[in-house]
Amino acid sequence: MWKHENNKLTKSFVFKDFIEAFGFMTKVALLAEKHNHHPFWTNVYNKVTIELNTHDAGDIVTDKDHQLAGEIDKIKT
């Protein structure tokens, strides 16, 4: 479940290994580019943490973030 805190939508995803996590990140990168809405994220081995907010709206959470979060969830399932 995405958490709305500190003007960001945040969620961590855990995978079986680094390759699976990196594959997920590649899919998210292509999706983000398509939406022209790019996340802040970190990756350590099998864990990817994503933070979303809209920079041009003053670094707050907007519908753009909720839409991208929903699309990201579809990739993971």
N, C-alpha and C. Protein backbone atom coordinates (compact mmCIF):
# COMPACT_ATOMS: atom_id res chain seq x y z
N MET A 1 0.85 -1.18 0.00
CA MET A 1 0.00 0.00 0.00
C MET A 1 0.90 1.25 0.00
N TRP A 2 0.54 2.21 -0.82
CA TRP A 2 1.27 3.47 -0.88
C TRP A 2 0.95 4.29 0.36
N LYS A 3 1.97 4.92 0.93
CA LYS A 3 1.80 5.80 2.08
C LYS A 3 1.92 7.24 1.60
N HIS A 4 1.04 8.09 2.10
CA HIS A 4 1.11 9.52 1.79
C HIS A 4 1.69 10.20 3.03
N GLU A 5 2.98 10.58 2.93
CA GLU A 5 3.64 11.24 4.05
C GLU A 5 4.68 12.21 3.54
N ASN A 6 4.86 13.30 4.24
CA ASN A 6 5.86 14.32 3.88
C ASN A 6 5.72 14.78 2.42
N ASN A 7 4.49 14.98 1.99
CA ASN A 7 4.21 15.42 0.62
C ASN A 7 4.74 14.47 -0.45
N LYS A 8 4.71 13.17 -0.14
CA LYS A 8 5.16 12.15 -1.09
C LYS A 8 4.28 10.93 -0.97
N LEU A 9 4.11 10.22 -2.08
CA LEU A 9 3.57 8.87 -2.04
C LEU A 9 4.78 7.95 -2.01
N THR A 10 4.82 7.03 -1.06
CA THR A 10 5.98 6.16 -0.89
C THR A 10 5.55 4.71 -0.79
N LYS A 11 6.33 3.85 -1.42
CA LYS A 11 6.08 2.41 -1.32
C LYS A 11 7.38 1.66 -1.56
N SER A 12 7.55 0.57 -0.82
CA SER A 12 8.70 -0.32 -1.01
C SER A 12 8.22 -1.63 -1.61
N PHE A 13 9.01 -2.15 -2.54
CA PHE A 13 8.73 -3.41 -3.21
C PHE A 13 9.89 -4.35 -2.94
N VAL A 14 9.58 -5.59 -2.61
CA VAL A 14 10.63 -6.58 -2.33
C VAL A 14 10.52 -7.71 -3.35
N PHE A 15 11.67 -8.10 -3.88
CA PHE A 15 11.75 -9.12 -4.93
C PHE A 15 12.62 -10.27 -4.46
N LYS A 16 12.67 -11.33 -5.27
CA LYS A 16 13.46 -12.49 -4.83
C LYS A 16 14.96 -12.24 -4.92
N ASP A 17 15.39 -11.34 -5.82
CA ASP A 17 16.82 -11.06 -5.96
C ASP A 17 17.02 -9.73 -6.70
N PHE A 18 18.27 -9.37 -6.90
CA PHE A 18 18.62 -8.11 -7.54
C PHE A 18 18.14 -8.06 -8.99
N ILE A 19 18.28 -9.14 -9.72
CA ILE A 19 17.88 -9.15 -11.13
C ILE A 19 16.39 -8.87 -11.28
N GLU A 20 15.58 -9.48 -10.42
CA GLU A 20 14.14 -9.23 -10.47
C GLU A 20 13.83 -7.78 -10.11
N ALA A 21 14.50 -7.24 -9.12
CA ALA A 21 14.30 -5.85 -8.73
C ALA A 21 14.71 -4.91 -9.87
N PHE A 22 15.83 -5.20 -10.51
CA PHE A 22 16.30 -4.36 -11.59
C PHE A 22 15.36 -4.43 -12.80
N GLY A 23 14.82 -5.59 -13.08
CA GLY A 23 13.84 -5.73 -14.15
C GLY A 23 12.61 -4.87 -13.89
N PHE A 24 12.15 -4.88 -12.65
CA PHE A 24 11.03 -4.04 -12.25
C PHE A 24 11.37 -2.57 -12.46
N MET A 25 12.55 -2.16 -12.05
CA MET A 25 12.96 -0.77 -12.21
C MET A 25 13.01 -0.37 -13.68
N THR A 26 13.43 -1.27 -14.53
CA THR A 26 13.47 -0.99 -15.97
C THR A 26 12.07 -0.74 -16.50
N LYS A 27 11.11 -1.57 -16.08
CA LYS A 27 9.72 -1.37 -16.52
C LYS A 27 9.16 -0.06 -15.99
N VAL A 28 9.46 0.26 -14.74
CA VAL A 28 8.99 1.53 -14.16
C VAL A 28 9.63 2.71 -14.89
N ALA A 29 10.89 2.59 -15.24
CA ALA A 29 11.58 3.68 -15.96
C ALA A 29 10.90 3.96 -17.30
N LEU A 30 10.54 2.93 -18.02
CA LEU A 30 9.86 3.11 -19.31
C LEU A 30 8.48 3.73 -19.11
N LEU A 31 7.78 3.28 -18.08
CA LEU A 31 6.46 3.82 -17.76
C LEU A 31 6.57 5.30 -17.36
N ALA A 32 7.54 5.62 -16.53
CA ALA A 32 7.74 6.99 -16.07
C ALA A 32 8.06 7.92 -17.25
N GLU A 33 8.87 7.44 -18.16
CA GLU A 33 9.21 8.24 -19.34
C GLU A 33 7.97 8.48 -20.20
N LYS A 34 7.15 7.45 -20.35
CA LYS A 34 5.91 7.58 -21.12
C LYS A 34 5.00 8.64 -20.51
N HIS A 35 4.94 8.69 -19.19
CA HIS A 35 4.10 9.65 -18.48
C HIS A 35 4.80 11.00 -18.27
N ASN A 36 6.08 11.06 -18.61
CA ASN A 36 6.91 12.24 -18.35
C ASN A 36 6.78 12.65 -16.87
N HIS A 37 6.89 11.64 -16.02
CA HIS A 37 6.75 11.85 -14.58
C HIS A 37 7.71 10.86 -13.89
N HIS A 38 8.79 11.37 -13.38
CA HIS A 38 9.90 10.52 -12.95
C HIS A 38 10.03 10.45 -11.44
N PRO A 39 10.15 9.24 -10.90
CA PRO A 39 10.20 9.05 -9.45
C PRO A 39 11.58 9.29 -8.87
N PHE A 40 11.59 9.51 -7.58
CA PHE A 40 12.82 9.38 -6.79
C PHE A 40 12.77 7.95 -6.28
N TRP A 41 13.87 7.21 -6.43
CA TRP A 41 13.84 5.84 -5.95
C TRP A 41 15.21 5.39 -5.48
N THR A 42 15.19 4.34 -4.68
CA THR A 42 16.43 3.72 -4.23
C THR A 42 16.30 2.22 -4.43
N ASN A 43 17.44 1.59 -4.58
CA ASN A 43 17.48 0.14 -4.73
C ASN A 43 18.66 -0.39 -3.95
N VAL A 44 18.39 -1.36 -3.08
CA VAL A 44 19.43 -2.10 -2.39
C VAL A 44 19.08 -3.57 -2.54
N TYR A 45 19.91 -4.27 -3.27
CA TYR A 45 19.76 -5.68 -3.60
C TYR A 45 18.35 -5.99 -4.12
N ASN A 46 17.46 -6.53 -3.29
CA ASN A 46 16.15 -6.96 -3.78
C ASN A 46 15.02 -6.02 -3.38
N LYS A 47 15.35 -4.84 -2.88
CA LYS A 47 14.32 -3.90 -2.41
C LYS A 47 14.41 -2.60 -3.21
N VAL A 48 13.24 -2.17 -3.70
CA VAL A 48 13.12 -0.90 -4.43
C VAL A 48 12.13 -0.04 -3.66
N THR A 49 12.53 1.17 -3.31
CA THR A 49 11.64 2.11 -2.65
C THR A 49 11.42 3.29 -3.60
N ILE A 50 10.16 3.62 -3.81
CA ILE A 50 9.78 4.68 -4.75
C ILE A 50 9.07 5.78 -3.99
N GLU A 51 9.42 7.02 -4.31
CA GLU A 51 8.74 8.20 -3.79
C GLU A 51 8.24 9.02 -4.97
N LEU A 52 6.97 9.41 -4.91
CA LEU A 52 6.37 10.20 -5.97
C LEU A 52 5.83 11.51 -5.42
N ASN A 53 6.13 12.59 -6.10
CA ASN A 53 5.45 13.86 -5.93
C ASN A 53 5.66 14.66 -7.21
N THR A 54 4.89 15.73 -7.35
CA THR A 54 4.92 16.49 -8.59
C THR A 54 5.74 17.76 -8.38
N HIS A 55 6.90 17.79 -8.99
CA HIS A 55 7.84 18.89 -8.79
C HIS A 55 7.29 20.23 -9.28
N ASP A 56 6.65 20.22 -10.46
CA ASP A 56 6.18 21.48 -11.01
C ASP A 56 4.89 21.99 -10.34
N ALA A 57 4.38 21.23 -9.36
CA ALA A 57 3.23 21.68 -8.57
C ALA A 57 3.67 22.07 -7.16
N GLY A 58 4.97 22.21 -6.97
CA GLY A 58 5.49 22.60 -5.66
C GLY A 58 5.85 21.43 -4.77
N ASP A 59 6.20 20.30 -5.38
CA ASP A 59 6.61 19.10 -4.64
C ASP A 59 5.52 18.61 -3.69
N ILE A 60 4.31 18.51 -4.24
CA ILE A 60 3.20 17.94 -3.49
C ILE A 60 2.66 16.74 -4.26
N VAL A 61 1.80 15.96 -3.62
CA VAL A 61 1.18 14.81 -4.27
C VAL A 61 -0.03 15.29 -5.06
N THR A 62 -0.07 14.91 -6.33
CA THR A 62 -1.18 15.29 -7.21
C THR A 62 -1.78 14.04 -7.85
N ASP A 63 -2.80 14.24 -8.66
CA ASP A 63 -3.42 13.12 -9.38
C ASP A 63 -2.39 12.40 -10.25
N LYS A 64 -1.44 13.15 -10.77
CA LYS A 64 -0.37 12.56 -11.60
C LYS A 64 0.37 11.46 -10.82
N ASP A 65 0.62 11.72 -9.55
CA ASP A 65 1.32 10.75 -8.71
C ASP A 65 0.46 9.52 -8.44
N HIS A 66 -0.81 9.75 -8.15
CA HIS A 66 -1.72 8.63 -7.89
C HIS A 66 -1.88 7.76 -9.14
N GLN A 67 -1.95 8.39 -10.30
CA GLN A 67 -2.07 7.64 -11.55
C GLN A 67 -0.83 6.79 -11.80
N LEU A 68 0.35 7.38 -11.63
CA LEU A 68 1.58 6.63 -11.84
C LEU A 68 1.72 5.51 -10.81
N ALA A 69 1.34 5.77 -9.57
CA ALA A 69 1.40 4.73 -8.54
C ALA A 69 0.52 3.54 -8.93
N GLY A 70 -0.66 3.81 -9.45
CA GLY A 70 -1.55 2.73 -9.89
C GLY A 70 -0.95 1.92 -11.03
N GLU A 71 -0.29 2.61 -11.95
CA GLU A 71 0.37 1.91 -13.06
C GLU A 71 1.54 1.08 -12.58
N ILE A 72 2.28 1.61 -11.63
CA ILE A 72 3.42 0.85 -11.06
C ILE A 72 2.92 -0.41 -10.37
N ASP A 73 1.82 -0.30 -9.63
CA ASP A 73 1.25 -1.48 -8.96
C ASP A 73 0.88 -2.56 -9.96
N LYS A 74 0.41 -2.18 -11.14
CA LYS A 74 0.06 -3.17 -12.17
C LYS A 74 1.29 -3.92 -12.66
N ILE A 75 2.44 -3.26 -12.69
CA ILE A 75 3.69 -3.92 -13.10
C ILE A 75 4.07 -4.99 -12.09
N LYS A 76 3.93 -4.68 -10.83
CA LYS A 76 4.39 -5.59 -9.75
C LYS A 76 3.52 -6.83 -9.64
N THR A 77 2.24 -6.73 -9.96
CA THR A 77 1.34 -7.88 -9.77
C THR A 77 1.38 -8.84 -10.92
